[in-house]
C-alpha cells in the first residue's frame, strides 16, 4: 500500500487520508471490518503515527470510520456521502424518510420506463417473481428483503448513476419505510398487484403509469 505521489500543495495528512479512503471505497476494507492499527499503517505508508491519527480523525468526522474504545477503528461507510446519510437517517422522522423515498422512486420509475433495456426487464421480472414467492410464503422478513431488491433494481433501471448512488446510501432507511407501509397487516392483499403494475408500465414504456405505480407503492397501509 505505497503512498501516492502528490503535489506540493497537498499536505501529507491529506495524502494519507485519501489513501485510507481508497482502501475503504475499493472494498479492500469492507464496511464492518476493523482497519489495521496505527503502528501498522504508519509502517506501511512510511509516515508518523500522528499523521495516521489525523487522517483517521478526518474519516471519523465524516462518518466513514468509527473509533471503538478498546476494540479499534472500524469501517462504517464506503463513502463520505454514505457516512453523512447514515448519521442523518439515524435521527430522521419516518414520515420524512418515506417522502424522500417517494421522490427518488417516482423519478426512477419515470426514467426507467424511458430507458429500460431487455436486460433490465429480465432483472425486474426476476425481482417481481421473487417478491411474489415471498408474498405467497407469508414471511415478512423475506418479503421486505425481496421488496427492497425490486426497488433497488427499479432505480438501477433508470440509468442515472447519481440517483443510484443516492438510493444505495438510502438503503438502510428503505427497509424501515417498507415495514412501515406494511403496518401490522399480514403479507396479503394488493402488494403484488401494485408491483406488477409498476413492472408492466416499465415494459410498456409508459412513464406516467410507472411513476403513478411507484407513488402508490410508498403510500402506507393500503386498504
C-alpha atoms as a PDB file:
ATOM      1  CA  UNK A   1       0.000   0.000   0.000  1.00  0.00           C
ATOM      2  CA  UNK A   2       2.581   2.584  -1.101  1.00  0.00           C
ATOM      3  CA  UNK A   3       1.799   6.244  -0.554  1.00  0.00           C
ATOM      4  CA  UNK A   4       0.799   8.016  -3.742  1.00  0.00           C
ATOM      5  CA  UNK A   5       2.865  10.884  -5.140  1.00  0.00           C
ATOM      6  CA  UNK A   6       1.197  14.239  -4.603  1.00  0.00           C
ATOM      7  CA  UNK A   7       1.777  17.880  -5.454  1.00  0.00           C
ATOM      8  CA  UNK A   8       3.493  20.216  -3.028  1.00  0.00           C
ATOM      9  CA  UNK A   9       0.189  21.875  -2.284  1.00  0.00           C
ATOM     10  CA  UNK A  10      -1.234  18.662  -0.886  1.00  0.00           C
ATOM     11  CA  UNK A  11      -0.481  18.106   2.769  1.00  0.00           C
ATOM     12  CA  UNK A  12       0.901  14.820   3.965  1.00  0.00           C
ATOM     13  CA  UNK A  13      -2.132  14.244   6.175  1.00  0.00           C
ATOM     14  CA  UNK A  14      -4.414  14.829   3.203  1.00  0.00           C
ATOM     15  CA  UNK A  15      -2.444  12.322   1.135  1.00  0.00           C
ATOM     16  CA  UNK A  16      -2.790   9.722   3.863  1.00  0.00           C
ATOM     17  CA  UNK A  17      -6.493  10.472   4.274  1.00  0.00           C
ATOM     18  CA  UNK A  18      -7.020   9.914   0.550  1.00  0.00           C
ATOM     19  CA  UNK A  19      -5.019   6.697   0.678  1.00  0.00           C
ATOM     20  CA  UNK A  20      -7.063   5.318   3.563  1.00  0.00           C
ATOM     21  CA  UNK A  21     -10.231   6.396   1.810  1.00  0.00           C
ATOM     22  CA  UNK A  22      -9.156   4.377  -1.230  1.00  0.00           C
ATOM     23  CA  UNK A  23      -8.843   1.284   0.937  1.00  0.00           C
ATOM     24  CA  UNK A  24     -12.449   1.753   2.045  1.00  0.00           C
ATOM     25  CA  UNK A  25     -14.085   2.801  -1.236  1.00  0.00           C
ATOM     26  CA  UNK A  26     -12.384  -0.014  -3.160  1.00  0.00           C
ATOM     27  CA  UNK A  27     -13.803  -2.560  -0.739  1.00  0.00           C
ATOM     28  CA  UNK A  28     -10.387  -3.700   0.463  1.00  0.00           C
ATOM     29  CA  UNK A  29     -11.571  -2.680   3.923  1.00  0.00           C
ATOM     30  CA  UNK A  30     -15.266  -3.720   3.886  1.00  0.00           C
ATOM     31  CA  UNK A  31     -17.935  -1.999   5.949  1.00  0.00           C
ATOM     32  CA  UNK A  32     -17.906  -3.538   9.412  1.00  0.00           C
ATOM     33  CA  UNK A  33     -14.240  -4.542   9.289  1.00  0.00           C
ATOM     34  CA  UNK A  34     -11.531  -3.253  11.617  1.00  0.00           C
ATOM     35  CA  UNK A  35      -8.730  -1.332   9.945  1.00  0.00           C
ATOM     36  CA  UNK A  36      -5.074  -2.078  10.796  1.00  0.00           C
ATOM     37  CA  UNK A  37      -3.727  -0.432  13.966  1.00  0.00           C
ATOM     38  CA  UNK A  38      -1.868   2.869  13.798  1.00  0.00           C
ATOM     39  CA  UNK A  39       1.681   1.400  14.048  1.00  0.00           C
ATOM     40  CA  UNK A  40       0.996  -0.962  11.142  1.00  0.00           C
ATOM     41  CA  UNK A  41      -0.463   1.796   8.975  1.00  0.00           C
ATOM     42  CA  UNK A  42       2.431   4.119   9.821  1.00  0.00           C
ATOM     43  CA  UNK A  43       4.954   1.488   8.726  1.00  0.00           C
ATOM     44  CA  UNK A  44       3.053   0.653   5.552  1.00  0.00           C
ATOM     45  CA  UNK A  45       2.771   4.293   4.478  1.00  0.00           C
ATOM     46  CA  UNK A  46       6.122   5.465   5.796  1.00  0.00           C
ATOM     47  CA  UNK A  47       4.663   8.276   7.889  1.00  0.00           C
ATOM     48  CA  UNK A  48       4.447   9.094  11.567  1.00  0.00           C
ATOM     49  CA  UNK A  49       1.661   7.916  13.841  1.00  0.00           C
ATOM     50  CA  UNK A  50       0.454  11.483  14.333  1.00  0.00           C
ATOM     51  CA  UNK A  51      -0.216  11.730  10.601  1.00  0.00           C
ATOM     52  CA  UNK A  52      -2.140   8.463  10.662  1.00  0.00           C
ATOM     53  CA  UNK A  53      -4.090   9.667  13.670  1.00  0.00           C
ATOM     54  CA  UNK A  54      -5.015  12.902  11.890  1.00  0.00           C
ATOM     55  CA  UNK A  55      -6.167  11.032   8.778  1.00  0.00           C
ATOM     56  CA  UNK A  56      -8.248   8.597  10.816  1.00  0.00           C
ATOM     57  CA  UNK A  57      -9.774  11.524  12.706  1.00  0.00           C
ATOM     58  CA  UNK A  58     -10.782  13.150   9.417  1.00  0.00           C
ATOM     59  CA  UNK A  59     -12.501  10.000   8.168  1.00  0.00           C
ATOM     60  CA  UNK A  60     -14.167   9.509  11.536  1.00  0.00           C
ATOM     61  CA  UNK A  61     -15.534  13.051  11.374  1.00  0.00           C
ATOM     62  CA  UNK A  62     -17.356  12.352   8.090  1.00  0.00           C
ATOM     63  CA  UNK A  63     -18.709   9.022   9.318  1.00  0.00           C
ATOM     64  CA  UNK A  64     -16.551   6.666   7.231  1.00  0.00           C
ATOM     65  CA  UNK A  65     -14.681   5.302  10.260  1.00  0.00           C
ATOM     66  CA  UNK A  66     -15.637   4.838  13.892  1.00  0.00           C
ATOM     67  CA  UNK A  67     -13.312   4.512  16.890  1.00  0.00           C
ATOM     68  CA  UNK A  68     -14.477   1.980  19.467  1.00  0.00           C
ATOM     69  CA  UNK A  69     -12.791   2.192  22.817  1.00  0.00           C
ATOM     70  CA  UNK A  70     -10.777  -0.940  23.487  1.00  0.00           C
ATOM     71  CA  UNK A  71     -11.655  -2.534  20.138  1.00  0.00           C
ATOM     72  CA  UNK A  72     -10.013  -0.400  17.448  1.00  0.00           C
ATOM     73  CA  UNK A  73     -11.254   1.589  14.464  1.00  0.00           C
ATOM     74  CA  UNK A  74     -13.945   0.173  12.208  1.00  0.00           C
ATOM     75  CA  UNK A  75     -15.299   0.981   8.748  1.00  0.00           C
ATOM     76  CA  UNK A  76     -18.872   2.241   8.990  1.00  0.00           C
ATOM     77  CA  UNK A  77     -19.480   3.502   5.423  1.00  0.00           C
ATOM     78  CA  UNK A  78     -17.845   3.279   1.989  1.00  0.00           C
ATOM     79  CA  UNK A  79     -18.071   6.980   1.211  1.00  0.00           C
ATOM     80  CA  UNK A  80     -18.474  10.366   2.816  1.00  0.00           C
ATOM     81  CA  UNK A  81     -21.989  10.513   1.401  1.00  0.00           C
ATOM     82  CA  UNK A  82     -22.847   7.145   2.950  1.00  0.00           C
ATOM     83  CA  UNK A  83     -21.488   8.245   6.299  1.00  0.00           C
ATOM     84  CA  UNK A  84     -23.371  11.528   6.289  1.00  0.00           C
ATOM     85  CA  UNK A  85     -26.581   9.871   5.123  1.00  0.00           C
ATOM     86  CA  UNK A  86     -26.307   7.186   7.795  1.00  0.00           C
ATOM     87  CA  UNK A  87     -25.812   9.797  10.507  1.00  0.00           C
ATOM     88  CA  UNK A  88     -28.727  11.863   9.205  1.00  0.00           C
ATOM     89  CA  UNK A  89     -31.053   8.881   8.881  1.00  0.00           C
ATOM     90  CA  UNK A  90     -30.301   7.830  12.441  1.00  0.00           C
ATOM     91  CA  UNK A  91     -32.366  10.794  13.609  1.00  0.00           C
ATOM     92  CA  UNK A  92     -34.798  11.260  10.724  1.00  0.00           C
ATOM     93  CA  UNK A  93     -38.560  11.156  11.165  1.00  0.00           C
ATOM     94  CA  UNK A  94     -40.039   8.117   9.409  1.00  0.00           C
ATOM     95  CA  UNK A  95     -42.582  10.266   7.569  1.00  0.00           C
ATOM     96  CA  UNK A  96     -39.720  12.322   6.102  1.00  0.00           C
ATOM     97  CA  UNK A  97     -37.876   9.165   5.049  1.00  0.00           C
ATOM     98  CA  UNK A  98     -40.984   7.950   3.230  1.00  0.00           C
ATOM     99  CA  UNK A  99     -41.292  11.295   1.438  1.00  0.00           C
ATOM    100  CA  UNK A 100     -37.655  11.132   0.306  1.00  0.00           C
ATOM    101  CA  UNK A 101     -38.085   7.534  -0.827  1.00  0.00           C
ATOM    102  CA  UNK A 102     -41.183   8.546  -2.792  1.00  0.00           C
ATOM    103  CA  UNK A 103     -39.314  11.365  -4.527  1.00  0.00           C
ATOM    104  CA  UNK A 104     -36.442   9.090  -5.541  1.00  0.00           C
ATOM    105  CA  UNK A 105     -38.566   6.161  -6.684  1.00  0.00           C
ATOM    106  CA  UNK A 106     -41.152   8.145  -8.634  1.00  0.00           C
ATOM    107  CA  UNK A 107     -38.410   9.831 -10.651  1.00  0.00           C
ATOM    108  CA  UNK A 108     -36.616   6.499 -11.074  1.00  0.00           C
ATOM    109  CA  UNK A 109     -39.798   4.857 -12.359  1.00  0.00           C
ATOM    110  CA  UNK A 110     -40.366   7.667 -14.844  1.00  0.00           C
ATOM    111  CA  UNK A 111     -36.829   7.346 -16.186  1.00  0.00           C
ATOM    112  CA  UNK A 112     -36.848   3.544 -16.102  1.00  0.00           C
ATOM    113  CA  UNK A 113     -39.858   3.376 -18.417  1.00  0.00           C
ATOM    114  CA  UNK A 114     -37.992   5.512 -20.934  1.00  0.00           C
ATOM    115  CA  UNK A 115     -34.543   3.925 -20.651  1.00  0.00           C
ATOM    116  CA  UNK A 116     -35.048   0.265 -19.776  1.00  0.00           C
ATOM    117  CA  UNK A 117     -33.192  -2.391 -21.743  1.00  0.00           C
ATOM    118  CA  UNK A 118     -34.096  -6.032 -22.302  1.00  0.00           C
ATOM    119  CA  UNK A 119     -31.616  -6.964 -19.579  1.00  0.00           C
ATOM    120  CA  UNK A 120     -33.309  -4.507 -17.221  1.00  0.00           C
ATOM    121  CA  UNK A 121     -36.711  -6.037 -17.945  1.00  0.00           C
ATOM    122  CA  UNK A 122     -35.379  -9.518 -17.219  1.00  0.00           C
ATOM    123  CA  UNK A 123     -33.968  -8.302 -13.893  1.00  0.00           C
ATOM    124  CA  UNK A 124     -37.258  -6.615 -12.974  1.00  0.00           C
ATOM    125  CA  UNK A 125     -39.252  -9.719 -13.893  1.00  0.00           C
ATOM    126  CA  UNK A 126     -36.964 -11.876 -11.745  1.00  0.00           C
ATOM    127  CA  UNK A 127     -37.255  -9.443  -8.823  1.00  0.00           C
ATOM    128  CA  UNK A 128     -41.057  -9.431  -9.184  1.00  0.00           C
ATOM    129  CA  UNK A 129     -41.133 -13.248  -9.212  1.00  0.00           C
ATOM    130  CA  UNK A 130     -39.034 -13.337  -6.025  1.00  0.00           C
ATOM    131  CA  UNK A 131     -41.369 -10.815  -4.413  1.00  0.00           C
ATOM    132  CA  UNK A 132     -44.420 -12.890  -5.298  1.00  0.00           C
ATOM    133  CA  UNK A 133     -42.797 -16.006  -3.824  1.00  0.00           C
ATOM    134  CA  UNK A 134     -42.094 -14.180  -0.557  1.00  0.00           C
ATOM    135  CA  UNK A 135     -45.622 -12.781  -0.582  1.00  0.00           C
ATOM    136  CA  UNK A 136     -47.129 -16.261  -1.061  1.00  0.00           C
ATOM    137  CA  UNK A 137     -44.935 -17.699   1.697  1.00  0.00           C
ATOM    138  CA  UNK A 138     -46.169 -15.062   4.137  1.00  0.00           C
ATOM    139  CA  UNK A 139     -42.700 -14.330   5.545  1.00  0.00           C
ATOM    140  CA  UNK A 140     -42.445 -10.640   6.465  1.00  0.00           C
ATOM    141  CA  UNK A 141     -38.653 -10.668   6.656  1.00  0.00           C
ATOM    142  CA  UNK A 142     -38.258 -12.362   3.272  1.00  0.00           C
ATOM    143  CA  UNK A 143     -40.880 -10.074   1.774  1.00  0.00           C
ATOM    144  CA  UNK A 144     -39.134  -6.918   2.988  1.00  0.00           C
ATOM    145  CA  UNK A 145     -35.819  -8.075   1.508  1.00  0.00           C
ATOM    146  CA  UNK A 146     -37.469  -9.025  -1.800  1.00  0.00           C
ATOM    147  CA  UNK A 147     -39.326  -5.708  -1.891  1.00  0.00           C
ATOM    148  CA  UNK A 148     -36.105  -3.768  -1.266  1.00  0.00           C
ATOM    149  CA  UNK A 149     -34.364  -5.768  -4.016  1.00  0.00           C
ATOM    150  CA  UNK A 150     -37.099  -4.949  -6.524  1.00  0.00           C
ATOM    151  CA  UNK A 151     -36.982  -1.230  -5.761  1.00  0.00           C
ATOM    152  CA  UNK A 152     -33.192  -1.231  -5.989  1.00  0.00           C
ATOM    153  CA  UNK A 153     -33.482  -2.905  -9.406  1.00  0.00           C
ATOM    154  CA  UNK A 154     -36.018  -0.253 -10.407  1.00  0.00           C
ATOM    155  CA  UNK A 155     -33.610   2.568  -9.569  1.00  0.00           C
ATOM    156  CA  UNK A 156     -30.770   0.910 -11.469  1.00  0.00           C
ATOM    157  CA  UNK A 157     -33.070   0.668 -14.486  1.00  0.00           C
ATOM    158  CA  UNK A 158     -33.261   4.475 -14.527  1.00  0.00           C
ATOM    159  CA  UNK A 159     -29.608   4.522 -15.662  1.00  0.00           C
ATOM    160  CA  UNK A 160     -28.735   7.610 -13.635  1.00  0.00           C
ATOM    161  CA  UNK A 161     -25.576   6.937 -11.641  1.00  0.00           C
ATOM    162  CA  UNK A 162     -26.092   9.802  -9.190  1.00  0.00           C
ATOM    163  CA  UNK A 163     -29.649   8.704  -8.461  1.00  0.00           C
ATOM    164  CA  UNK A 164     -28.435   5.124  -7.983  1.00  0.00           C
ATOM    165  CA  UNK A 165     -25.711   6.254  -5.569  1.00  0.00           C
ATOM    166  CA  UNK A 166     -28.147   8.321  -3.513  1.00  0.00           C
ATOM    167  CA  UNK A 167     -30.585   5.430  -3.365  1.00  0.00           C
ATOM    168  CA  UNK A 168     -27.869   2.981  -2.345  1.00  0.00           C
ATOM    169  CA  UNK A 169     -26.960   5.157   0.624  1.00  0.00           C
ATOM    170  CA  UNK A 170     -30.647   5.338   1.479  1.00  0.00           C
ATOM    171  CA  UNK A 171     -30.802   1.536   1.679  1.00  0.00           C
ATOM    172  CA  UNK A 172     -30.899   1.220   5.471  1.00  0.00           C
ATOM    173  CA  UNK A 173     -33.891   3.521   5.760  1.00  0.00           C
ATOM    174  CA  UNK A 174     -35.531   1.826   2.785  1.00  0.00           C
ATOM    175  CA  UNK A 175     -36.282  -1.317   4.772  1.00  0.00           C
ATOM    176  CA  UNK A 176     -37.755   0.711   7.606  1.00  0.00           C
ATOM    177  CA  UNK A 177     -40.123   2.502   5.234  1.00  0.00           C
ATOM    178  CA  UNK A 178     -41.181  -0.800   3.639  1.00  0.00           C
ATOM    179  CA  UNK A 179     -42.011  -2.178   7.070  1.00  0.00           C
ATOM    180  CA  UNK A 180     -43.936   0.999   7.823  1.00  0.00           C
ATOM    181  CA  UNK A 181     -46.041   0.728   4.659  1.00  0.00           C
ATOM    182  CA  UNK A 182     -46.852  -2.856   5.593  1.00  0.00           C
ATOM    183  CA  UNK A 183     -48.073  -1.811   9.034  1.00  0.00           C
ATOM    184  CA  UNK A 184     -49.381  -4.694  11.125  1.00  0.00           C
ATOM    185  CA  UNK A 185     -51.156  -6.364   8.247  1.00  0.00           C
ATOM    186  CA  UNK A 186     -50.242  -9.909   7.206  1.00  0.00           C
ATOM    187  CA  UNK A 187     -48.401 -10.438   3.927  1.00  0.00           C
ATOM    188  CA  UNK A 188     -51.500 -10.482   1.749  1.00  0.00           C
ATOM    189  CA  UNK A 189     -53.627  -8.058  -0.198  1.00  0.00           C
ATOM    190  CA  UNK A 190     -52.632  -5.714  -3.033  1.00  0.00           C
ATOM    191  CA  UNK A 191     -48.827  -5.633  -2.759  1.00  0.00           C
ATOM    192  CA  UNK A 192     -48.180  -7.992  -5.644  1.00  0.00           C
ATOM    193  CA  UNK A 193     -50.730  -6.172  -7.786  1.00  0.00           C
ATOM    194  CA  UNK A 194     -49.131  -2.763  -7.201  1.00  0.00           C
ATOM    195  CA  UNK A 195     -45.653  -4.057  -8.020  1.00  0.00           C
ATOM    196  CA  UNK A 196     -46.931  -5.865 -11.102  1.00  0.00           C
ATOM    197  CA  UNK A 197     -48.472  -2.620 -12.371  1.00  0.00           C
ATOM    198  CA  UNK A 198     -45.135  -0.880 -11.926  1.00  0.00           C
ATOM    199  CA  UNK A 199     -43.177  -3.516 -13.818  1.00  0.00           C
ATOM    200  CA  UNK A 200     -45.837  -3.722 -16.533  1.00  0.00           C
ATOM    201  CA  UNK A 201     -45.747   0.051 -17.067  1.00  0.00           C
ATOM    202  CA  UNK A 202     -41.974  -0.087 -17.488  1.00  0.00           C
ATOM    203  CA  UNK A 203     -42.382  -2.894 -20.030  1.00  0.00           C
ATOM    204  CA  UNK A 204     -44.849  -0.699 -21.953  1.00  0.00           C
ATOM    205  CA  UNK A 205     -42.580   2.366 -21.705  1.00  0.00           C
ATOM    206  CA  UNK A 206     -45.444   4.233 -20.020  1.00  0.00           C
ATOM    207  CA  UNK A 207     -43.605   6.745 -17.841  1.00  0.00           C
ATOM    208  CA  UNK A 208     -46.730   8.321 -16.344  1.00  0.00           C
ATOM    209  CA  UNK A 209     -48.191   4.952 -15.312  1.00  0.00           C
ATOM    210  CA  UNK A 210     -44.851   3.804 -13.913  1.00  0.00           C
ATOM    211  CA  UNK A 211     -44.499   6.973 -11.826  1.00  0.00           C
ATOM    212  CA  UNK A 212     -48.072   6.617 -10.537  1.00  0.00           C
ATOM    213  CA  UNK A 213     -47.483   2.980  -9.591  1.00  0.00           C
ATOM    214  CA  UNK A 214     -44.248   3.879  -7.812  1.00  0.00           C
ATOM    215  CA  UNK A 215     -46.033   6.612  -5.860  1.00  0.00           C
ATOM    216  CA  UNK A 216     -48.803   4.208  -4.826  1.00  0.00           C
ATOM    217  CA  UNK A 217     -46.261   1.714  -3.505  1.00  0.00           C
ATOM    218  CA  UNK A 218     -44.923   4.185  -0.971  1.00  0.00           C
ATOM    219  CA  UNK A 219     -48.323   5.035   0.482  1.00  0.00           C
ATOM    220  CA  UNK A 220     -48.536   3.378   3.921  1.00  0.00           C
ATOM    221  CA  UNK A 221     -51.162   0.844   4.945  1.00  0.00           C
ATOM    222  CA  UNK A 222     -53.137   0.280   1.787  1.00  0.00           C
ATOM    223  CA  UNK A 223     -56.788  -0.618   2.431  1.00  0.00           C
END
